[in-house]
Amino acid sequence: GSYYALADDPYPADMQAAARAGRLLPIDYTNQNPSYASAAGGGDRTAGDLANWIRALVTGKVFDPDFHQQWLASLRAEDPQVPDGQQ
């Protein structure tokens, strides 16, 4: 069944019934800061922010040049026989 985030109790039966019947109204979380319940540092950015971070990471703008080269040299496929991962 479905569970509340960060809790062990399932949704109450009346809430599950309302959801199945299409009567459960959405909750507006527009002004909620999700960083308290997400990854360390609050992974609550946009896809564009993530793309900028990855671009900076792989082009040597995050680590000093020596460590960047060590990092690149250390990357290994989990299974060298399947370098693109399990598909």
PDB file of N, CA and C in Angstrom:
ATOM      1  N   GLY A   1       0.806  -1.194   0.000  1.00  0.00           N
ATOM      2  CA  GLY A   1       0.000   0.000   0.000  1.00  0.00           C
ATOM      3  C   GLY A   1       0.846   1.253   0.000  1.00  0.00           C
ATOM      4  N   SER A   2       0.196   2.385   0.021  1.00  0.00           N
ATOM      5  CA  SER A   2       0.878   3.675   0.045  1.00  0.00           C
ATOM      6  C   SER A   2       1.167   4.099   1.472  1.00  0.00           C
ATOM      7  N   TYR A   3       2.258   4.809   1.633  1.00  0.00           N
ATOM      8  CA  TYR A   3       2.679   5.275   2.951  1.00  0.00           C
ATOM      9  C   TYR A   3       2.986   6.763   2.902  1.00  0.00           C
ATOM     10  N   TYR A   4       2.853   7.430   4.051  1.00  0.00           N
ATOM     11  CA  TYR A   4       3.268   8.823   4.167  1.00  0.00           C
ATOM     12  C   TYR A   4       4.784   8.891   4.070  1.00  0.00           C
ATOM     13  N   ALA A   5       5.322   9.974   3.533  1.00  0.00           N
ATOM     14  CA  ALA A   5       6.767  10.149   3.478  1.00  0.00           C
ATOM     15  C   ALA A   5       7.335  10.202   4.890  1.00  0.00           C
ATOM     16  N   LEU A   6       8.438   9.511   5.090  1.00  0.00           N
ATOM     17  CA  LEU A   6       9.173   9.494   6.360  1.00  0.00           C
ATOM     18  C   LEU A   6       8.368   8.908   7.511  1.00  0.00           C
ATOM     19  N   ALA A   7       7.386   8.072   7.250  1.00  0.00           N
ATOM     20  CA  ALA A   7       6.592   7.449   8.311  1.00  0.00           C
ATOM     21  C   ALA A   7       6.304   6.002   7.924  1.00  0.00           C
ATOM     22  N   ASP A   8       5.928   5.211   8.900  1.00  0.00           N
ATOM     23  CA  ASP A   8       5.675   3.796   8.644  1.00  0.00           C
ATOM     24  C   ASP A   8       4.199   3.454   8.506  1.00  0.00           C
ATOM     25  N   ASP A   9       3.321   4.365   8.867  1.00  0.00           N
ATOM     26  CA  ASP A   9       1.894   4.069   8.854  1.00  0.00           C
ATOM     27  C   ASP A   9       1.305   4.254   7.461  1.00  0.00           C
ATOM     28  N   PRO A  10       0.452   3.330   7.005  1.00  0.00           N
ATOM     29  CA  PRO A  10      -0.194   3.497   5.700  1.00  0.00           C
ATOM     30  C   PRO A  10      -1.229   4.618   5.757  1.00  0.00           C
ATOM     31  N   TYR A  11      -1.584   5.106   4.576  1.00  0.00           N
ATOM     32  CA  TYR A  11      -2.648   6.106   4.526  1.00  0.00           C
ATOM     33  C   TYR A  11      -3.910   5.520   5.155  1.00  0.00           C
ATOM     34  N   PRO A  12      -4.675   6.345   5.883  1.00  0.00           N
ATOM     35  CA  PRO A  12      -5.920   5.850   6.482  1.00  0.00           C
ATOM     36  C   PRO A  12      -6.888   5.356   5.401  1.00  0.00           C
ATOM     37  N   ALA A  13      -7.738   4.413   5.768  1.00  0.00           N
ATOM     38  CA  ALA A  13      -8.681   3.816   4.815  1.00  0.00           C
ATOM     39  C   ALA A  13      -9.576   4.861   4.163  1.00  0.00           C
ATOM     40  N   ASP A  14     -10.026   5.865   4.942  1.00  0.00           N
ATOM     41  CA  ASP A  14     -10.911   6.882   4.361  1.00  0.00           C
ATOM     42  C   ASP A  14     -10.182   7.720   3.313  1.00  0.00           C
ATOM     43  N   MET A  15      -8.884   7.978   3.533  1.00  0.00           N
ATOM     44  CA  MET A  15      -8.109   8.747   2.567  1.00  0.00           C
ATOM     45  C   MET A  15      -7.882   7.916   1.298  1.00  0.00           C
ATOM     46  N   GLN A  16      -7.593   6.639   1.452  1.00  0.00           N
ATOM     47  CA  GLN A  16      -7.417   5.766   0.293  1.00  0.00           C
ATOM     48  C   GLN A  16      -8.709   5.681  -0.519  1.00  0.00           C
ATOM     49  N   ALA A  17      -9.844   5.572   0.173  1.00  0.00           N
ATOM     50  CA  ALA A  17     -11.141   5.497  -0.514  1.00  0.00           C
ATOM     51  C   ALA A  17     -11.430   6.788  -1.271  1.00  0.00           C
ATOM     52  N   ALA A  18     -11.132   7.934  -0.647  1.00  0.00           N
ATOM     53  CA  ALA A  18     -11.358   9.224  -1.305  1.00  0.00           C
ATOM     54  C   ALA A  18     -10.477   9.357  -2.547  1.00  0.00           C
ATOM     55  N   ALA A  19      -9.230   8.880  -2.460  1.00  0.00           N
ATOM     56  CA  ALA A  19      -8.329   8.943  -3.613  1.00  0.00           C
ATOM     57  C   ALA A  19      -8.855   8.085  -4.755  1.00  0.00           C
ATOM     58  N   ARG A  20      -9.294   6.880  -4.432  1.00  0.00           N
ATOM     59  CA  ARG A  20      -9.827   5.977  -5.465  1.00  0.00           C
ATOM     60  C   ARG A  20     -11.094   6.535  -6.116  1.00  0.00           C
ATOM     61  N   ALA A  21     -11.870   7.269  -5.333  1.00  0.00           N
ATOM     62  CA  ALA A  21     -13.126   7.825  -5.846  1.00  0.00           C
ATOM     63  C   ALA A  21     -12.925   9.173  -6.534  1.00  0.00           C
ATOM     64  N   GLY A  22     -11.693   9.691  -6.518  1.00  0.00           N
ATOM     65  CA  GLY A  22     -11.425  10.977  -7.147  1.00  0.00           C
ATOM     66  C   GLY A  22     -11.870  12.162  -6.318  1.00  0.00           C
ATOM     67  N   ARG A  23     -12.069  11.969  -5.015  1.00  0.00           N
ATOM     68  CA  ARG A  23     -12.522  13.059  -4.149  1.00  0.00           C
ATOM     69  C   ARG A  23     -11.399  13.639  -3.280  1.00  0.00           C
ATOM     70  N   LEU A  24     -10.199  13.093  -3.371  1.00  0.00           N
ATOM     71  CA  LEU A  24      -9.091  13.579  -2.550  1.00  0.00           C
ATOM     72  C   LEU A  24      -8.484  14.799  -3.233  1.00  0.00           C
ATOM     73  N   LEU A  25      -8.623  15.954  -2.623  1.00  0.00           N
ATOM     74  CA  LEU A  25      -8.144  17.195  -3.219  1.00  0.00           C
ATOM     75  C   LEU A  25      -6.635  17.327  -3.037  1.00  0.00           C
ATOM     76  N   PRO A  26      -5.957  17.938  -4.005  1.00  0.00           N
ATOM     77  CA  PRO A  26      -4.513  18.135  -3.875  1.00  0.00           C
ATOM     78  C   PRO A  26      -4.197  19.178  -2.809  1.00  0.00           C
ATOM     79  N   ILE A  27      -2.987  19.116  -2.297  1.00  0.00           N
ATOM     80  CA  ILE A  27      -2.508  20.090  -1.315  1.00  0.00           C
ATOM     81  C   ILE A  27      -1.512  20.997  -2.023  1.00  0.00           C
ATOM     82  N   ASP A  28      -1.649  22.300  -1.850  1.00  0.00           N
ATOM     83  CA  ASP A  28      -0.760  23.270  -2.490  1.00  0.00           C
ATOM     84  C   ASP A  28       0.525  23.393  -1.677  1.00  0.00           C
ATOM     85  N   TYR A  29       1.622  22.915  -2.239  1.00  0.00           N
ATOM     86  CA  TYR A  29       2.927  22.986  -1.579  1.00  0.00           C
ATOM     87  C   TYR A  29       3.812  24.059  -2.209  1.00  0.00           C
ATOM     88  N   THR A  30       3.218  25.013  -2.904  1.00  0.00           N
ATOM     89  CA  THR A  30       3.975  26.037  -3.610  1.00  0.00           C
ATOM     90  C   THR A  30       5.002  26.725  -2.724  1.00  0.00           C
ATOM     91  N   ASN A  31       4.630  27.078  -1.514  1.00  0.00           N
ATOM     92  CA  ASN A  31       5.537  27.816  -0.637  1.00  0.00           C
ATOM     93  C   ASN A  31       6.273  26.919   0.354  1.00  0.00           C
ATOM     94  N   GLN A  32       6.197  25.618   0.170  1.00  0.00           N
ATOM     95  CA  GLN A  32       6.879  24.679   1.053  1.00  0.00           C
ATOM     96  C   GLN A  32       8.329  24.527   0.606  1.00  0.00           C
ATOM     97  N   ASN A  33       9.267  24.550   1.538  1.00  0.00           N
ATOM     98  CA  ASN A  33      10.672  24.332   1.231  1.00  0.00           C
ATOM     99  C   ASN A  33      10.963  22.845   1.393  1.00  0.00           C
ATOM    100  N   PRO A  34      11.207  22.119   0.295  1.00  0.00           N
ATOM    101  CA  PRO A  34      11.398  20.678   0.394  1.00  0.00           C
ATOM    102  C   PRO A  34      12.769  20.264   0.908  1.00  0.00           C
ATOM    103  N   SER A  35      13.669  21.199   1.156  1.00  0.00           N
ATOM    104  CA  SER A  35      15.035  20.828   1.511  1.00  0.00           C
ATOM    105  C   SER A  35      15.134  20.064   2.826  1.00  0.00           C
ATOM    106  N   TYR A  36      14.171  20.205   3.732  1.00  0.00           N
ATOM    107  CA  TYR A  36      14.256  19.494   5.007  1.00  0.00           C
ATOM    108  C   TYR A  36      14.063  17.995   4.828  1.00  0.00           C
ATOM    109  N   ALA A  37      13.419  17.587   3.773  1.00  0.00           N
ATOM    110  CA  ALA A  37      13.100  16.169   3.601  1.00  0.00           C
ATOM    111  C   ALA A  37      13.760  15.569   2.370  1.00  0.00           C
ATOM    112  N   SER A  38      14.757  16.240   1.840  1.00  0.00           N
ATOM    113  CA  SER A  38      15.400  15.711   0.642  1.00  0.00           C
ATOM    114  C   SER A  38      16.879  15.481   0.901  1.00  0.00           C
ATOM    115  N   ALA A  39      17.624  15.320  -0.138  1.00  0.00           N
ATOM    116  CA  ALA A  39      19.047  15.027  -0.022  1.00  0.00           C
ATOM    117  C   ALA A  39      19.764  16.109   0.778  1.00  0.00           C
ATOM    118  N   ALA A  40      20.881  15.738   1.367  1.00  0.00           N
ATOM    119  CA  ALA A  40      21.676  16.706   2.125  1.00  0.00           C
ATOM    120  C   ALA A  40      21.928  17.921   1.244  1.00  0.00           C
ATOM    121  N   GLY A  41      21.686  19.080   1.767  1.00  0.00           N
ATOM    122  CA  GLY A  41      21.824  20.293   0.994  1.00  0.00           C
ATOM    123  C   GLY A  41      20.559  20.656   0.239  1.00  0.00           C
ATOM    124  N   GLY A  42      19.588  19.809   0.302  1.00  0.00           N
ATOM    125  CA  GLY A  42      18.297  20.114  -0.313  1.00  0.00           C
ATOM    126  C   GLY A  42      18.317  20.020  -1.818  1.00  0.00           C
ATOM    127  N   GLY A  43      18.122  18.837  -2.345  1.00  0.00           N
ATOM    128  CA  GLY A  43      18.100  18.657  -3.793  1.00  0.00           C
ATOM    129  C   GLY A  43      16.795  19.163  -4.374  1.00  0.00           C
ATOM    130  N   ASP A  44      16.625  20.463  -4.405  1.00  0.00           N
ATOM    131  CA  ASP A  44      15.354  21.020  -4.872  1.00  0.00           C
ATOM    132  C   ASP A  44      15.589  22.078  -5.945  1.00  0.00           C
ATOM    133  N   ARG A  45      16.427  21.753  -6.911  1.00  0.00           N
ATOM    134  CA  ARG A  45      16.740  22.694  -7.973  1.00  0.00           C
ATOM    135  C   ARG A  45      16.083  22.259  -9.273  1.00  0.00           C
ATOM    136  N   THR A  46      16.298  23.054 -10.308  1.00  0.00           N
ATOM    137  CA  THR A  46      15.685  22.751 -11.603  1.00  0.00           C
ATOM    138  C   THR A  46      16.575  21.818 -12.422  1.00  0.00           C
ATOM    139  N   ALA A  47      16.027  21.278 -13.496  1.00  0.00           N
ATOM    140  CA  ALA A  47      16.813  20.442 -14.407  1.00  0.00           C
ATOM    141  C   ALA A  47      17.957  21.256 -15.000  1.00  0.00           C
ATOM    142  N   GLY A  48      17.707  22.537 -15.266  1.00  0.00           N
ATOM    143  CA  GLY A  48      18.761  23.409 -15.787  1.00  0.00           C
ATOM    144  C   GLY A  48      19.896  23.585 -14.798  1.00  0.00           C
ATOM    145  N   ASP A  49      19.557  23.728 -13.505  1.00  0.00           N
ATOM    146  CA  ASP A  49      20.584  23.831 -12.470  1.00  0.00           C
ATOM    147  C   ASP A  49      21.431  22.564 -12.440  1.00  0.00           C
ATOM    148  N   LEU A  50      20.771  21.415 -12.533  1.00  0.00           N
ATOM    149  CA  LEU A  50      21.487  20.143 -12.521  1.00  0.00           C
ATOM    150  C   LEU A  50      22.395  20.024 -13.742  1.00  0.00           C
ATOM    151  N   ALA A  51      21.907  20.439 -14.894  1.00  0.00           N
ATOM    152  CA  ALA A  51      22.725  20.401 -16.110  1.00  0.00           C
ATOM    153  C   ALA A  51      23.945  21.300 -15.963  1.00  0.00           C
ATOM    154  N   ASN A  52      23.772  22.487 -15.378  1.00  0.00           N
ATOM    155  CA  ASN A  52      24.905  23.392 -15.152  1.00  0.00           C
ATOM    156  C   ASN A  52      25.924  22.762 -14.216  1.00  0.00           C
ATOM    157  N   TRP A  53      25.449  22.096 -13.148  1.00  0.00           N
ATOM    158  CA  TRP A  53      26.345  21.444 -12.190  1.00  0.00           C
ATOM    159  C   TRP A  53      27.146  20.331 -12.880  1.00  0.00           C
ATOM    160  N   ILE A  54      26.473  19.478 -13.645  1.00  0.00           N
ATOM    161  CA  ILE A  54      27.155  18.377 -14.325  1.00  0.00           C
ATOM    162  C   ILE A  54      28.172  18.926 -15.323  1.00  0.00           C
ATOM    163  N   ARG A  55      27.787  19.963 -16.055  1.00  0.00           N
ATOM    164  CA  ARG A  55      28.703  20.579 -17.019  1.00  0.00           C
ATOM    165  C   ARG A  55      29.951  21.100 -16.305  1.00  0.00           C
ATOM    166  N   ALA A  56      29.766  21.794 -15.186  1.00  0.00           N
ATOM    167  CA  ALA A  56      30.910  22.305 -14.425  1.00  0.00           C
ATOM    168  C   ALA A  56      31.760  21.160 -13.887  1.00  0.00           C
ATOM    169  N   LEU A  57      31.109  20.103 -13.422  1.00  0.00           N
ATOM    170  CA  LEU A  57      31.824  18.964 -12.850  1.00  0.00           C
ATOM    171  C   LEU A  57      32.715  18.286 -13.887  1.00  0.00           C
ATOM    172  N   VAL A  58      32.180  18.008 -15.063  1.00  0.00           N
ATOM    173  CA  VAL A  58      32.943  17.248 -16.051  1.00  0.00           C
ATOM    174  C   VAL A  58      33.909  18.101 -16.871  1.00  0.00           C
ATOM    175  N   THR A  59      33.798  19.421 -16.803  1.00  0.00           N
ATOM    176  CA  THR A  59      34.723  20.274 -17.562  1.00  0.00           C
ATOM    177  C   THR A  59      35.826  20.863 -16.697  1.00  0.00           C
ATOM    178  N   GLY A  60      35.955  20.386 -15.459  1.00  0.00           N
ATOM    179  CA  GLY A  60      37.078  20.797 -14.627  1.00  0.00           C
ATOM    180  C   GLY A  60      36.893  22.085 -13.861  1.00  0.00           C
ATOM    181  N   LYS A  61      35.677  22.534 -13.673  1.00  0.00           N
ATOM    182  CA  LYS A  61      35.441  23.783 -12.955  1.00  0.00           C
ATOM    183  C   LYS A  61      35.115  23.577 -11.481  1.00  0.00           C
ATOM    184  N   VAL A  62      35.027  22.312 -11.036  1.00  0.00           N
ATOM    185  CA  VAL A  62      34.679  22.036  -9.644  1.00  0.00           C
ATOM    186  C   VAL A  62      35.925  21.692  -8.836  1.00  0.00           C
ATOM    187  N   PHE A  63      36.747  20.778  -9.355  1.00  0.00           N
ATOM    188  CA  PHE A  63      37.958  20.334  -8.656  1.00  0.00           C
ATOM    189  C   PHE A  63      39.179  21.018  -9.243  1.00  0.00           C
ATOM    190  N   ASP A  64      40.280  21.061  -8.458  1.00  0.00           N
ATOM    191  CA  ASP A  64      41.523  21.579  -9.024  1.00  0.00           C
ATOM    192  C   ASP A  64      41.984  20.599 -10.112  1.00  0.00           C
ATOM    193  N   PRO A  65      42.835  21.054 -11.047  1.00  0.00           N
ATOM    194  CA  PRO A  65      43.183  20.217 -12.202  1.00  0.00           C
ATOM    195  C   PRO A  65      43.733  18.835 -11.842  1.00  0.00           C
ATOM    196  N   ASP A  66      44.593  18.748 -10.825  1.00  0.00           N
ATOM    197  CA  ASP A  66      45.168  17.454 -10.455  1.00  0.00           C
ATOM    198  C   ASP A  66      44.084  16.486  -9.973  1.00  0.00           C
ATOM    199  N   PHE A  67      43.227  16.958  -9.073  1.00  0.00           N
ATOM    200  CA  PHE A  67      42.183  16.072  -8.556  1.00  0.00           C
ATOM    201  C   PHE A  67      41.175  15.726  -9.649  1.00  0.00           C
ATOM    202  N   HIS A  68      40.894  16.675 -10.525  1.00  0.00           N
ATOM    203  CA  HIS A  68      39.964  16.406 -11.621  1.00  0.00           C
ATOM    204  C   HIS A  68      40.478  15.246 -12.478  1.00  0.00           C
ATOM    205  N   GLN A  69      41.776  15.252 -12.792  1.00  0.00           N
ATOM    206  CA  GLN A  69      42.350  14.159 -13.585  1.00  0.00           C
ATOM    207  C   GLN A  69      42.292  12.836 -12.827  1.00  0.00           C
ATOM    208  N   GLN A  70      42.556  12.874 -11.507  1.00  0.00           N
ATOM    209  CA  GLN A  70      42.449  11.652 -10.698  1.00  0.00           C
ATOM    210  C   GLN A  70      41.015  11.121 -10.734  1.00  0.00           C
ATOM    211  N   TRP A  71      40.062  12.033 -10.613  1.00  0.00           N
ATOM    212  CA  TRP A  71      38.648  11.639 -10.618  1.00  0.00           C
ATOM    213  C   TRP A  71      38.280  10.984 -11.947  1.00  0.00           C
ATOM    214  N   LEU A  72      38.667  11.626 -13.062  1.00  0.00           N
ATOM    215  CA  LEU A  72      38.346  11.069 -14.373  1.00  0.00           C
ATOM    216  C   LEU A  72      38.997   9.704 -14.582  1.00  0.00           C
ATOM    217  N   ALA A  73      40.248   9.552 -14.115  1.00  0.00           N
ATOM    218  CA  ALA A  73      40.964   8.285 -14.284  1.00  0.00           C
ATOM    219  C   ALA A  73      40.372   7.172 -13.427  1.00  0.00           C
ATOM    220  N   SER A  74      39.650   7.528 -12.374  1.00  0.00           N
ATOM    221  CA  SER A  74      39.122   6.519 -11.454  1.00  0.00           C
ATOM    222  C   SER A  74      37.778   5.944 -11.896  1.00  0.00           C
ATOM    223  N   LEU A  75      37.133   6.554 -12.868  1.00  0.00           N
ATOM    224  CA  LEU A  75      35.804   6.102 -13.285  1.00  0.00           C
ATOM    225  C   LEU A  75      35.887   4.745 -13.969  1.00  0.00           C
ATOM    226  N   ARG A  76      35.091   3.806 -13.493  1.00  0.00           N
ATOM    227  CA  ARG A  76      35.061   2.458 -14.057  1.00  0.00           C
ATOM    228  C   ARG A  76      33.615   2.003 -14.208  1.00  0.00           C
ATOM    229  N   ALA A  77      33.348   1.288 -15.276  1.00  0.00           N
ATOM    230  CA  ALA A  77      32.022   0.693 -15.436  1.00  0.00           C
ATOM    231  C   ALA A  77      31.839  -0.368 -14.355  1.00  0.00           C
ATOM    232  N   GLU A  78      30.631  -0.483 -13.823  1.00  0.00           N
ATOM    233  CA  GLU A  78      30.361  -1.483 -12.792  1.00  0.00           C
ATOM    234  C   GLU A  78      30.667  -2.879 -13.316  1.00  0.00           C
ATOM    235  N   ASP A  79      30.279  -3.153 -14.526  1.00  0.00           N
ATOM    236  CA  ASP A  79      30.565  -4.428 -15.176  1.00  0.00           C
ATOM    237  C   ASP A  79      31.225  -4.091 -16.507  1.00  0.00           C
ATOM    238  N   PRO A  80      32.556  -4.277 -16.631  1.00  0.00           N
ATOM    239  CA  PRO A  80      33.247  -3.900 -17.870  1.00  0.00           C
ATOM    240  C   PRO A  80      32.671  -4.570 -19.118  1.00  0.00           C
ATOM    241  N   GLN A  81      31.985  -5.715 -18.949  1.00  0.00           N
ATOM    242  CA  GLN A  81      31.375  -6.390 -20.088  1.00  0.00           C
ATOM    243  C   GLN A  81      30.094  -5.688 -20.547  1.00  0.00           C
ATOM    244  N   VAL A  82      29.539  -4.831 -19.687  1.00  0.00           N
ATOM    245  CA  VAL A  82      28.304  -4.104 -20.001  1.00  0.00           C
ATOM    246  C   VAL A  82      28.534  -2.628 -19.636  1.00  0.00           C
ATOM    247  N   PRO A  83      29.375  -1.912 -20.410  1.00  0.00           N
ATOM    248  CA  PRO A  83      29.752  -0.546 -20.028  1.00  0.00           C
ATOM    249  C   PRO A  83      28.607   0.455 -19.997  1.00  0.00           C
ATOM    250  N   ASP A  84      27.505   0.159 -20.686  1.00  0.00           N
ATOM    251  CA  ASP A  84      26.367   1.075 -20.673  1.00  0.00           C
ATOM    252  C   ASP A  84      25.379   0.756 -19.569  1.00  0.00           C
ATOM    253  N   GLY A  85      25.717  -0.179 -18.699  1.00  0.00           N
ATOM    254  CA  GLY A  85      24.824  -0.531 -17.605  1.00  0.00           C
ATOM    255  C   GLY A  85      23.861  -1.638 -17.988  1.00  0.00           C
ATOM    256  N   GLN A  86      23.146  -2.085 -17.005  1.00  0.00           N
ATOM    257  CA  GLN A  86      22.171  -3.153 -17.227  1.00  0.00           C
ATOM    258  C   GLN A  86      20.932  -2.552 -17.880  1.00  0.00           C
ATOM    259  N   GLN A  87      20.526  -3.093 -19.007  1.00  0.00           N
ATOM    260  CA  GLN A  87      19.365  -2.545 -19.700  1.00  0.00           C
ATOM    261  C   GLN A  87      18.352  -3.617 -19.979  1.00  0.00           C
TER     262      GLN A  87
END
